PDB file of N, CA and C in Angstrom:
ATOM      1  N   MET A   1     -52.160  91.144 -52.230  1.00  0.00           N
ATOM      2  CA  MET A   1     -50.739  91.276 -51.997  1.00  0.00           C
ATOM      3  C   MET A   1     -50.344  90.408 -50.816  1.00  0.00           C
ATOM      4  N   SER A   2     -49.148  89.915 -50.858  1.00  0.00           N
ATOM      5  CA  SER A   2     -48.649  89.010 -49.828  1.00  0.00           C
ATOM      6  C   SER A   2     -47.496  89.672 -49.083  1.00  0.00           C
ATOM      7  N   LEU A   3     -47.557  89.615 -47.758  1.00  0.00           N
ATOM      8  CA  LEU A   3     -46.501  90.166 -46.900  1.00  0.00           C
ATOM      9  C   LEU A   3     -45.866  89.030 -46.122  1.00  0.00           C
ATOM     10  N   LYS A   4     -44.592  89.167 -45.821  1.00  0.00           N
ATOM     11  CA  LYS A   4     -43.861  88.106 -45.135  1.00  0.00           C
ATOM     12  C   LYS A   4     -42.892  88.724 -44.140  1.00  0.00           C
ATOM     13  N   SER A   5     -42.715  88.051 -42.996  1.00  0.00           N
ATOM     14  CA  SER A   5     -41.729  88.473 -42.003  1.00  0.00           C
ATOM     15  C   SER A   5     -41.067  87.241 -41.408  1.00  0.00           C
ATOM     16  N   GLU A   6     -39.767  87.254 -41.377  1.00  0.00           N
ATOM     17  CA  GLU A   6     -39.027  86.169 -40.739  1.00  0.00           C
ATOM     18  C   GLU A   6     -38.788  86.455 -39.266  1.00  0.00           C
ATOM     19  N   LYS A   7     -39.222  87.624 -38.808  1.00  0.00           N
ATOM     20  CA  LYS A   7     -39.136  87.984 -37.394  1.00  0.00           C
ATOM     21  C   LYS A   7     -40.413  87.549 -36.698  1.00  0.00           C
ATOM     22  N   LEU A   8     -40.316  87.210 -35.426  1.00  0.00           N
ATOM     23  CA  LEU A   8     -41.513  86.903 -34.649  1.00  0.00           C
ATOM     24  C   LEU A   8     -42.355  88.169 -34.536  1.00  0.00           C
ATOM     25  N   ILE A   9     -43.658  87.989 -34.434  1.00  0.00           N
ATOM     26  CA  ILE A   9     -44.591  89.113 -34.424  1.00  0.00           C
ATOM     27  C   ILE A   9     -45.203  89.271 -33.030  1.00  0.00           C
ATOM     28  N   ASP A  10     -45.255  90.502 -32.570  1.00  0.00           N
ATOM     29  CA  ASP A  10     -45.821  90.826 -31.261  1.00  0.00           C
ATOM     30  C   ASP A  10     -47.350  90.903 -31.372  1.00  0.00           C
ATOM     31  N   PRO A  11     -48.072  90.015 -30.682  1.00  0.00           N
ATOM     32  CA  PRO A  11     -49.535  90.051 -30.793  1.00  0.00           C
ATOM     33  C   PRO A  11     -50.139  91.349 -30.259  1.00  0.00           C
ATOM     34  N   GLN A  12     -49.447  92.003 -29.319  1.00  0.00           N
ATOM     35  CA  GLN A  12     -49.943  93.261 -28.761  1.00  0.00           C
ATOM     36  C   GLN A  12     -49.851  94.407 -29.765  1.00  0.00           C
ATOM     37  N   LYS A  13     -49.070  94.217 -30.808  1.00  0.00           N
ATOM     38  CA  LYS A  13     -48.974  95.202 -31.890  1.00  0.00           C
ATOM     39  C   LYS A  13     -49.842  94.781 -33.078  1.00  0.00           C
ATOM     40  N   LEU A  14     -49.778  93.503 -33.436  1.00  0.00           N
ATOM     41  CA  LEU A  14     -50.471  93.020 -34.630  1.00  0.00           C
ATOM     42  C   LEU A  14     -51.992  93.114 -34.505  1.00  0.00           C
ATOM     43  N   LEU A  15     -52.540  92.582 -33.433  1.00  0.00           N
ATOM     44  CA  LEU A  15     -53.997  92.480 -33.324  1.00  0.00           C
ATOM     45  C   LEU A  15     -54.689  93.844 -33.289  1.00  0.00           C
ATOM     46  N   PRO A  16     -54.195  94.823 -32.522  1.00  0.00           N
ATOM     47  CA  PRO A  16     -54.830  96.149 -32.584  1.00  0.00           C
ATOM     48  C   PRO A  16     -54.721  96.779 -33.983  1.00  0.00           C
ATOM     49  N   TRP A  17     -53.567  96.607 -34.636  1.00  0.00           N
ATOM     50  CA  TRP A  17     -53.418  97.159 -35.980  1.00  0.00           C
ATOM     51  C   TRP A  17     -54.424  96.530 -36.940  1.00  0.00           C
ATOM     52  N   LEU A  18     -54.533  95.198 -36.943  1.00  0.00           N
ATOM     53  CA  LEU A  18     -55.474  94.541 -37.848  1.00  0.00           C
ATOM     54  C   LEU A  18     -56.913  94.940 -37.538  1.00  0.00           C
ATOM     55  N   ASN A  19     -57.261  95.036 -36.256  1.00  0.00           N
ATOM     56  CA  ASN A  19     -58.619  95.469 -35.881  1.00  0.00           C
ATOM     57  C   ASN A  19     -58.908  96.879 -36.392  1.00  0.00           C
ATOM     58  N   ASP A  20     -57.978  97.793 -36.156  1.00  0.00           N
ATOM     59  CA  ASP A  20     -58.162  99.175 -36.616  1.00  0.00           C
ATOM     60  C   ASP A  20     -58.229  99.237 -38.136  1.00  0.00           C
ATOM     61  N   PHE A  21     -57.328  98.521 -38.801  1.00  0.00           N
ATOM     62  CA  PHE A  21     -57.272  98.553 -40.263  1.00  0.00           C
ATOM     63  C   PHE A  21     -58.561  98.014 -40.879  1.00  0.00           C
ATOM     64  N   THR A  22     -59.061  96.909 -40.359  1.00  0.00           N
ATOM     65  CA  THR A  22     -60.285  96.337 -40.927  1.00  0.00           C
ATOM     66  C   THR A  22     -61.494  97.227 -40.649  1.00  0.00           C
ATOM     67  N   GLN A  23     -61.520  97.919 -39.519  1.00  0.00           N
ATOM     68  CA  GLN A  23     -62.635  98.826 -39.239  1.00  0.00           C
ATOM     69  C   GLN A  23     -62.597 100.057 -40.147  1.00  0.00           C
ATOM     70  N   GLU A  24     -61.388 100.558 -40.403  1.00  0.00           N
ATOM     71  CA  GLU A  24     -61.239 101.748 -41.243  1.00  0.00           C
ATOM     72  C   GLU A  24     -61.405 101.436 -42.724  1.00  0.00           C
ATOM     73  N   ARG A  25     -60.885 100.309 -43.155  1.00  0.00           N
ATOM     74  CA  ARG A  25     -60.810 100.005 -44.591  1.00  0.00           C
ATOM     75  C   ARG A  25     -61.636  98.795 -44.996  1.00  0.00           C
ATOM     76  N   GLY A  26     -62.543  98.360 -44.142  1.00  0.00           N
ATOM     77  CA  GLY A  26     -63.328  97.159 -44.380  1.00  0.00           C
ATOM     78  C   GLY A  26     -63.917  97.007 -45.769  1.00  0.00           C
ATOM     79  N   PRO A  27     -64.563  98.046 -46.320  1.00  0.00           N
ATOM     80  CA  PRO A  27     -65.154  97.889 -47.647  1.00  0.00           C
ATOM     81  C   PRO A  27     -64.122  97.545 -48.740  1.00  0.00           C
ATOM     82  N   ASP A  28     -62.872  97.924 -48.515  1.00  0.00           N
ATOM     83  CA  ASP A  28     -61.822  97.642 -49.508  1.00  0.00           C
ATOM     84  C   ASP A  28     -61.149  96.289 -49.302  1.00  0.00           C
ATOM     85  N   ILE A  29     -61.431  95.626 -48.180  1.00  0.00           N
ATOM     86  CA  ILE A  29     -60.788  94.341 -47.892  1.00  0.00           C
ATOM     87  C   ILE A  29     -61.752  93.220 -48.277  1.00  0.00           C
ATOM     88  N   LEU A  30     -61.476  92.604 -49.406  1.00  0.00           N
ATOM     89  CA  LEU A  30     -62.311  91.498 -49.851  1.00  0.00           C
ATOM     90  C   LEU A  30     -61.975  90.229 -49.086  1.00  0.00           C
ATOM     91  N   ARG A  31     -60.692  90.053 -48.766  1.00  0.00           N
ATOM     92  CA  ARG A  31     -60.245  88.857 -48.038  1.00  0.00           C
ATOM     93  C   ARG A  31     -58.898  89.155 -47.402  1.00  0.00           C
ATOM     94  N   LEU A  32     -58.703  88.634 -46.210  1.00  0.00           N
ATOM     95  CA  LEU A  32     -57.438  88.740 -45.487  1.00  0.00           C
ATOM     96  C   LEU A  32     -57.191  87.376 -44.867  1.00  0.00           C
ATOM     97  N   LYS A  33     -55.981  86.885 -44.971  1.00  0.00           N
ATOM     98  CA  LYS A  33     -55.651  85.631 -44.289  1.00  0.00           C
ATOM     99  C   LYS A  33     -54.175  85.625 -43.962  1.00  0.00           C
ATOM    100  N   GLY A  34     -53.815  84.838 -42.951  1.00  0.00           N
ATOM    101  CA  GLY A  34     -52.418  84.786 -42.580  1.00  0.00           C
ATOM    102  C   GLY A  34     -52.117  83.707 -41.561  1.00  0.00           C
ATOM    103  N   ILE A  35     -50.835  83.388 -41.499  1.00  0.00           N
ATOM    104  CA  ILE A  35     -50.275  82.492 -40.489  1.00  0.00           C
ATOM    105  C   ILE A  35     -49.166  83.286 -39.810  1.00  0.00           C
ATOM    106  N   ILE A  36     -49.247  83.394 -38.494  1.00  0.00           N
ATOM    107  CA  ILE A  36     -48.360  84.277 -37.741  1.00  0.00           C
ATOM    108  C   ILE A  36     -47.602  83.498 -36.672  1.00  0.00           C
ATOM    109  N   ALA A  37     -46.330  83.845 -36.515  1.00  0.00           N
ATOM    110  CA  ALA A  37     -45.478  83.259 -35.472  1.00  0.00           C
ATOM    111  C   ALA A  37     -45.318  84.280 -34.341  1.00  0.00           C
ATOM    112  N   PHE A  38     -45.853  83.927 -33.163  1.00  0.00           N
ATOM    113  CA  PHE A  38     -45.732  84.775 -31.981  1.00  0.00           C
ATOM    114  C   PHE A  38     -44.601  84.251 -31.086  1.00  0.00           C
ATOM    115  N   PRO A  39     -43.940  85.132 -30.343  1.00  0.00           N
ATOM    116  CA  PRO A  39     -42.918  84.678 -29.389  1.00  0.00           C
ATOM    117  C   PRO A  39     -43.564  83.820 -28.288  1.00  0.00           C
ATOM    118  N   ASN A  40     -42.850  82.841 -27.827  1.00  0.00           N
ATOM    119  CA  ASN A  40     -43.292  81.984 -26.718  1.00  0.00           C
ATOM    120  C   ASN A  40     -44.623  81.280 -26.991  1.00  0.00           C
ATOM    121  N   GLU A  41     -44.940  81.063 -28.244  1.00  0.00           N
ATOM    122  CA  GLU A  41     -46.169  80.348 -28.611  1.00  0.00           C
ATOM    123  C   GLU A  41     -45.777  79.201 -29.542  1.00  0.00           C
ATOM    124  N   PRO A  42     -45.953  77.951 -29.095  1.00  0.00           N
ATOM    125  CA  PRO A  42     -45.552  76.813 -29.921  1.00  0.00           C
ATOM    126  C   PRO A  42     -46.502  76.539 -31.089  1.00  0.00           C
ATOM    127  N   LYS A  43     -47.661  77.194 -31.082  1.00  0.00           N
ATOM    128  CA  LYS A  43     -48.640  76.962 -32.146  1.00  0.00           C
ATOM    129  C   LYS A  43     -48.687  78.140 -33.116  1.00  0.00           C
ATOM    130  N   ARG A  44     -49.089  77.846 -34.342  1.00  0.00           N
ATOM    131  CA  ARG A  44     -49.260  78.876 -35.357  1.00  0.00           C
ATOM    132  C   ARG A  44     -50.566  79.622 -35.088  1.00  0.00           C
ATOM    133  N   PHE A  45     -50.532  80.935 -35.213  1.00  0.00           N
ATOM    134  CA  PHE A  45     -51.748  81.736 -35.102  1.00  0.00           C
ATOM    135  C   PHE A  45     -52.276  81.950 -36.516  1.00  0.00           C
ATOM    136  N   VAL A  46     -53.521  81.566 -36.738  1.00  0.00           N
ATOM    137  CA  VAL A  46     -54.141  81.693 -38.055  1.00  0.00           C
ATOM    138  C   VAL A  46     -55.202  82.782 -37.972  1.00  0.00           C
ATOM    139  N   VAL A  47     -55.120  83.735 -38.883  1.00  0.00           N
ATOM    140  CA  VAL A  47     -56.063  84.848 -38.914  1.00  0.00           C
ATOM    141  C   VAL A  47     -56.729  84.889 -40.287  1.00  0.00           C
ATOM    142  N   GLN A  48     -58.006  85.263 -40.291  1.00  0.00           N
ATOM    143  CA  GLN A  48     -58.719  85.430 -41.550  1.00  0.00           C
ATOM    144  C   GLN A  48     -59.760  86.518 -41.381  1.00  0.00           C
ATOM    145  N   GLY A  49     -60.105  87.133 -42.486  1.00  0.00           N
ATOM    146  CA  GLY A  49     -61.099  88.187 -42.425  1.00  0.00           C
ATOM    147  C   GLY A  49     -61.735  88.457 -43.768  1.00  0.00           C
ATOM    148  N   VAL A  50     -62.916  89.051 -43.692  1.00  0.00           N
ATOM    149  CA  VAL A  50     -63.655  89.518 -44.850  1.00  0.00           C
ATOM    150  C   VAL A  50     -64.250  90.871 -44.466  1.00  0.00           C
ATOM    151  N   HIS A  51     -63.958  91.891 -45.245  1.00  0.00           N
ATOM    152  CA  HIS A  51     -64.425  93.249 -44.958  1.00  0.00           C
ATOM    153  C   HIS A  51     -64.072  93.620 -43.514  1.00  0.00           C
ATOM    154  N   MET A  52     -65.051  93.847 -42.659  1.00  0.00           N
ATOM    155  CA  MET A  52     -64.784  94.280 -41.280  1.00  0.00           C
ATOM    156  C   MET A  52     -64.817  93.129 -40.288  1.00  0.00           C
ATOM    157  N   ILE A  53     -64.995  91.923 -40.771  1.00  0.00           N
ATOM    158  CA  ILE A  53     -65.059  90.753 -39.892  1.00  0.00           C
ATOM    159  C   ILE A  53     -63.684  90.107 -39.838  1.00  0.00           C
ATOM    160  N   LEU A  54     -63.160  89.938 -38.635  1.00  0.00           N
ATOM    161  CA  LEU A  54     -61.822  89.400 -38.437  1.00  0.00           C
ATOM    162  C   LEU A  54     -61.889  88.312 -37.374  1.00  0.00           C
ATOM    163  N   ASP A  55     -61.182  87.209 -37.621  1.00  0.00           N
ATOM    164  CA  ASP A  55     -61.170  86.097 -36.678  1.00  0.00           C
ATOM    165  C   ASP A  55     -59.786  85.479 -36.671  1.00  0.00           C
ATOM    166  N   GLY A  56     -59.369  85.009 -35.515  1.00  0.00           N
ATOM    167  CA  GLY A  56     -58.074  84.356 -35.425  1.00  0.00           C
ATOM    168  C   GLY A  56     -57.980  83.468 -34.209  1.00  0.00           C
ATOM    169  N   ASP A  57     -57.132  82.449 -34.315  1.00  0.00           N
ATOM    170  CA  ASP A  57     -56.941  81.521 -33.200  1.00  0.00           C
ATOM    171  C   ASP A  57     -55.673  80.721 -33.461  1.00  0.00           C
ATOM    172  N   VAL A  58     -55.132  80.131 -32.407  1.00  0.00           N
ATOM    173  CA  VAL A  58     -53.981  79.249 -32.579  1.00  0.00           C
ATOM    174  C   VAL A  58     -54.463  77.933 -33.178  1.00  0.00           C
ATOM    175  N   GLN A  59     -53.624  77.339 -33.994  1.00  0.00           N
ATOM    176  CA  GLN A  59     -53.950  76.084 -34.651  1.00  0.00           C
ATOM    177  C   GLN A  59     -52.921  75.037 -34.245  1.00  0.00           C
ATOM    178  N   ARG A  60     -52.371  74.349 -35.192  1.00  0.00           N
ATOM    179  CA  ARG A  60     -51.425  73.273 -34.893  1.00  0.00           C
ATOM    180  C   ARG A  60     -50.064  73.826 -34.473  1.00  0.00           C
ATOM    181  N   ASP A  61     -49.270  72.949 -33.856  1.00  0.00           N
ATOM    182  CA  ASP A  61     -47.892  73.302 -33.499  1.00  0.00           C
ATOM    183  C   ASP A  61     -47.075  73.545 -34.754  1.00  0.00           C
ATOM    184  N   TRP A  62     -46.060  74.389 -34.613  1.00  0.00           N
ATOM    185  CA  TRP A  62     -45.071  74.507 -35.680  1.00  0.00           C
ATOM    186  C   TRP A  62     -44.344  73.167 -35.752  1.00  0.00           C
ATOM    187  N   LYS A  63     -44.135  72.653 -36.920  1.00  0.00           N
ATOM    188  CA  LYS A  63     -43.470  71.365 -37.078  1.00  0.00           C
ATOM    189  C   LYS A  63     -41.980  71.493 -36.801  1.00  0.00           C
ATOM    190  N   GLU A  64     -41.389  70.388 -36.389  1.00  0.00           N
ATOM    191  CA  GLU A  64     -39.941  70.334 -36.149  1.00  0.00           C
ATOM    192  C   GLU A  64     -39.215  70.773 -37.424  1.00  0.00           C
ATOM    193  N   GLY A  65     -38.368  71.784 -37.316  1.00  0.00           N
ATOM    194  CA  GLY A  65     -37.590  72.274 -38.455  1.00  0.00           C
ATOM    195  C   GLY A  65     -38.338  73.220 -39.375  1.00  0.00           C
ATOM    196  N   GLU A  66     -39.632  73.431 -39.129  1.00  0.00           N
ATOM    197  CA  GLU A  66     -40.415  74.348 -39.964  1.00  0.00           C
ATOM    198  C   GLU A  66     -40.016  75.796 -39.643  1.00  0.00           C
ATOM    199  N   ALA A  67     -39.743  76.564 -40.675  1.00  0.00           N
ATOM    200  CA  ALA A  67     -39.370  77.964 -40.480  1.00  0.00           C
ATOM    201  C   ALA A  67     -40.572  78.738 -39.938  1.00  0.00           C
ATOM    202  N   LYS A  68     -40.355  79.490 -38.878  1.00  0.00           N
ATOM    203  CA  LYS A  68     -41.424  80.299 -38.284  1.00  0.00           C
ATOM    204  C   LYS A  68     -41.501  81.636 -39.027  1.00  0.00           C
ATOM    205  N   VAL A  69     -42.082  81.558 -40.202  1.00  0.00           N
ATOM    206  CA  VAL A  69     -42.243  82.727 -41.061  1.00  0.00           C
ATOM    207  C   VAL A  69     -43.708  83.159 -40.992  1.00  0.00           C
ATOM    208  N   SER A  70     -43.917  84.431 -40.732  1.00  0.00           N
ATOM    209  CA  SER A  70     -45.275  84.972 -40.686  1.00  0.00           C
ATOM    210  C   SER A  70     -45.637  85.508 -42.060  1.00  0.00           C
ATOM    211  N   ARG A  71     -46.871  85.229 -42.466  1.00  0.00           N
ATOM    212  CA  ARG A  71     -47.364  85.695 -43.767  1.00  0.00           C
ATOM    213  C   ARG A  71     -48.768  86.250 -43.608  1.00  0.00           C
ATOM    214  N   LEU A  72     -48.999  87.364 -44.296  1.00  0.00           N
ATOM    215  CA  LEU A  72     -50.334  87.963 -44.365  1.00  0.00           C
ATOM    216  C   LEU A  72     -50.661  88.202 -45.831  1.00  0.00           C
ATOM    217  N   VAL A  73     -51.861  87.852 -46.228  1.00  0.00           N
ATOM    218  CA  VAL A  73     -52.299  88.056 -47.599  1.00  0.00           C
ATOM    219  C   VAL A  73     -53.545  88.929 -47.575  1.00  0.00           C
ATOM    220  N   PHE A  74     -53.532  89.981 -48.378  1.00  0.00           N
ATOM    221  CA  PHE A  74     -54.669  90.875 -48.524  1.00  0.00           C
ATOM    222  C   PHE A  74     -55.162  90.805 -49.966  1.00  0.00           C
ATOM    223  N   ILE A  75     -56.450  90.616 -50.123  1.00  0.00           N
ATOM    224  CA  ILE A  75     -57.088  90.722 -51.430  1.00  0.00           C
ATOM    225  C   ILE A  75     -58.077  91.868 -51.295  1.00  0.00           C
ATOM    226  N   GLY A  76     -57.902  92.896 -52.102  1.00  0.00           N
ATOM    227  CA  GLY A  76     -58.784  94.044 -51.954  1.00  0.00           C
ATOM    228  C   GLY A  76     -58.575  95.098 -53.007  1.00  0.00           C
ATOM    229  N   ARG A  77     -59.132  96.258 -52.723  1.00  0.00           N
ATOM    230  CA  ARG A  77     -59.057  97.410 -53.623  1.00  0.00           C
ATOM    231  C   ARG A  77     -58.365  98.556 -52.904  1.00  0.00           C
ATOM    232  N   ASN A  78     -57.652  99.355 -53.676  1.00  0.00           N
ATOM    233  CA  ASN A  78     -57.064 100.602 -53.165  1.00  0.00           C
ATOM    234  C   ASN A  78     -56.179 100.384 -51.941  1.00  0.00           C
ATOM    235  N   LEU A  79     -55.466  99.269 -51.901  1.00  0.00           N
ATOM    236  CA  LEU A  79     -54.565  98.989 -50.779  1.00  0.00           C
ATOM    237  C   LEU A  79     -53.163  99.459 -51.137  1.00  0.00           C
ATOM    238  N   ASP A  80     -52.516 100.123 -50.209  1.00  0.00           N
ATOM    239  CA  ASP A  80     -51.178 100.690 -50.414  1.00  0.00           C
ATOM    240  C   ASP A  80     -50.139  99.696 -49.907  1.00  0.00           C
ATOM    241  N   ARG A  81     -49.398  99.084 -50.823  1.00  0.00           N
ATOM    242  CA  ARG A  81     -48.410  98.074 -50.455  1.00  0.00           C
ATOM    243  C   ARG A  81     -47.374  98.628 -49.472  1.00  0.00           C
ATOM    244  N   ALA A  82     -46.826  99.792 -49.754  1.00  0.00           N
ATOM    245  CA  ALA A  82     -45.785 100.357 -48.886  1.00  0.00           C
ATOM    246  C   ALA A  82     -46.323 100.582 -47.471  1.00  0.00           C
ATOM    247  N   GLU A  83     -47.541 101.069 -47.368  1.00  0.00           N
ATOM    248  CA  GLU A  83     -48.148 101.298 -46.054  1.00  0.00           C
ATOM    249  C   GLU A  83     -48.331  99.973 -45.313  1.00  0.00           C
ATOM    250  N   LEU A  84     -48.871  98.958 -45.984  1.00  0.00           N
ATOM    251  CA  LEU A  84     -49.093  97.665 -45.343  1.00  0.00           C
ATOM    252  C   LEU A  84     -47.773  97.004 -44.941  1.00  0.00           C
ATOM    253  N   GLU A  85     -46.770  97.088 -45.802  1.00  0.00           N
ATOM    254  CA  GLU A  85     -45.459  96.522 -45.453  1.00  0.00           C
ATOM    255  C   GLU A  85     -44.876  97.199 -44.227  1.00  0.00           C
ATOM    256  N   ALA A  86     -44.974  98.516 -44.154  1.00  0.00           N
ATOM    257  CA  ALA A  86     -44.430  99.267 -43.015  1.00  0.00           C
ATOM    258  C   ALA A  86     -45.181  98.933 -41.726  1.00  0.00           C
ATOM    259  N   LYS A  87     -46.503  98.858 -41.804  1.00  0.00           N
ATOM    260  CA  LYS A  87     -47.307  98.551 -40.610  1.00  0.00           C
ATOM    261  C   LYS A  87     -47.046  97.127 -40.125  1.00  0.00           C
ATOM    262  N   PHE A  88     -46.923  96.185 -41.060  1.00  0.00           N
ATOM    263  CA  PHE A  88     -46.643  94.800 -40.678  1.00  0.00           C
ATOM    264  C   PHE A  88     -45.249  94.693 -40.066  1.00  0.00           C
ATOM    265  N   ALA A  89     -44.272  95.352 -40.670  1.00  0.00           N
ATOM    266  CA  ALA A  89     -42.904  95.326 -40.136  1.00  0.00           C
ATOM    267  C   ALA A  89     -42.849  95.934 -38.728  1.00  0.00           C
ATOM    268  N   ALA A  90     -43.688  96.921 -38.474  1.00  0.00           N
ATOM    269  CA  ALA A  90     -43.713  97.573 -37.153  1.00  0.00           C
ATOM    270  C   ALA A  90     -44.283  96.651 -36.072  1.00  0.00           C
ATOM    271  N   CYS A  91     -44.863  95.538 -36.459  1.00  0.00           N
ATOM    272  CA  CYS A  91     -45.424  94.582 -35.502  1.00  0.00           C
ATOM    273  C   CYS A  91     -44.382  93.550 -35.021  1.00  0.00           C
ATOM    274  N   ALA A  92     -43.168  93.652 -35.504  1.00  0.00           N
ATOM    275  CA  ALA A  92     -42.130  92.706 -35.085  1.00  0.00           C
ATOM    276  C   ALA A  92     -41.912  92.790 -33.583  1.00  0.00           C
ATOM    277  N   ALA A  93     -41.654  91.637 -32.978  1.00  0.00           N
ATOM    278  CA  ALA A  93     -41.442  91.559 -31.533  1.00  0.00           C
ATOM    279  C   ALA A  93     -40.084  92.133 -31.160  1.00  0.00           C
TER     280      ALA A  93
END
């Protein structure tokens, strides 16, 4: 499932949530990836994960005129779309 937010995302909310979620639901997460727009950060934050392993870092700058849209993609089993949408929305800055 793919999630999207046009609001900037607070890293102090997003990163703890993703860490907790992957630790709790790791066996059900086959793949996680995303590009995130943080406030006051000129670079895109790229996150990826498999099961309980999660990694992320800033990558290239957002391009001139590029919409700062955050996206998270989950590939897995027994994932609740409404729950994930609500948790992701709660990470807005």
